[in-house]
């Protein structure tokens, strides 16, 4: 398990640094560890989008609705 900074993790995964930090604080990442003032995370940790996508939201965004 190779730990990297959340800044590097965000860059590798196309995410915002602040969003990754907030997820670490909320406990959304299993491998995130705070060492001193810095957050470290396993480079292989998968980022999960847990937002619920309703048919109305997907219709507004232009995505195809599947029933």
Protein backbone atom coordinates (compact mmCIF):
# COMPACT_ATOMS: atom_id res chain seq x y z
CA UNK A 1 0.00 0.00 0.00
CA UNK A 2 1.65 3.21 -1.19
CA UNK A 3 0.32 6.35 0.45
CA UNK A 4 0.22 9.62 -1.49
CA UNK A 5 -0.94 13.12 -0.62
CA UNK A 6 -4.55 14.02 -1.30
CA UNK A 7 -3.35 16.71 -3.70
CA UNK A 8 -1.60 14.10 -5.83
CA UNK A 9 -4.58 11.73 -5.49
CA UNK A 10 -6.93 14.48 -6.70
CA UNK A 11 -4.71 15.28 -9.70
CA UNK A 12 -4.46 11.61 -10.72
CA UNK A 13 -8.24 11.11 -10.51
CA UNK A 14 -9.39 14.43 -11.96
CA UNK A 15 -10.92 15.63 -8.68
CA UNK A 16 -10.83 18.84 -6.72
CA UNK A 17 -8.34 18.86 -3.82
CA UNK A 18 -10.89 20.39 -1.42
CA UNK A 19 -13.52 17.76 -2.23
CA UNK A 20 -11.06 14.95 -1.52
CA UNK A 21 -10.10 16.59 1.79
CA UNK A 22 -13.75 16.87 2.82
CA UNK A 23 -14.34 13.22 1.96
CA UNK A 24 -11.33 12.27 4.08
CA UNK A 25 -12.71 14.26 7.01
CA UNK A 26 -16.11 12.56 6.65
CA UNK A 27 -14.52 9.11 6.51
CA UNK A 28 -15.52 8.36 2.91
CA UNK A 29 -12.13 6.83 2.07
CA UNK A 30 -11.16 3.63 3.89
CA UNK A 31 -7.41 4.15 3.53
CA UNK A 32 -7.20 7.89 4.34
CA UNK A 33 -4.93 8.70 7.27
CA UNK A 34 -4.16 12.04 8.85
CA UNK A 35 -0.49 12.31 9.76
CA UNK A 36 0.21 15.60 11.48
CA UNK A 37 -1.69 18.16 9.45
CA UNK A 38 -1.54 16.24 6.16
CA UNK A 39 -3.94 13.66 4.78
CA UNK A 40 -2.50 10.62 3.00
CA UNK A 41 -4.47 8.11 0.98
CA UNK A 42 -3.66 4.85 -0.77
CA UNK A 43 -2.95 5.50 -4.45
CA UNK A 44 -5.23 2.59 -5.43
CA UNK A 45 -8.26 3.80 -3.41
CA UNK A 46 -11.27 4.08 -5.68
CA UNK A 47 -13.28 7.31 -5.66
CA UNK A 48 -16.99 6.59 -5.32
CA UNK A 49 -19.73 8.94 -6.43
CA UNK A 50 -22.54 8.19 -4.01
CA UNK A 51 -24.96 10.77 -5.35
CA UNK A 52 -28.43 9.44 -6.13
CA UNK A 53 -29.39 10.13 -9.69
CA UNK A 54 -33.16 10.39 -10.12
CA UNK A 55 -34.90 10.29 -13.52
CA UNK A 56 -35.73 14.00 -13.25
CA UNK A 57 -32.09 14.94 -12.69
CA UNK A 58 -30.85 12.78 -15.54
CA UNK A 59 -33.50 14.24 -17.87
CA UNK A 60 -32.39 17.75 -17.01
CA UNK A 61 -28.74 16.92 -17.62
CA UNK A 62 -29.48 15.52 -21.07
CA UNK A 63 -28.66 11.90 -20.24
CA UNK A 64 -30.76 9.10 -21.60
CA UNK A 65 -33.42 7.75 -19.24
CA UNK A 66 -33.63 3.98 -19.03
CA UNK A 67 -36.69 2.34 -17.50
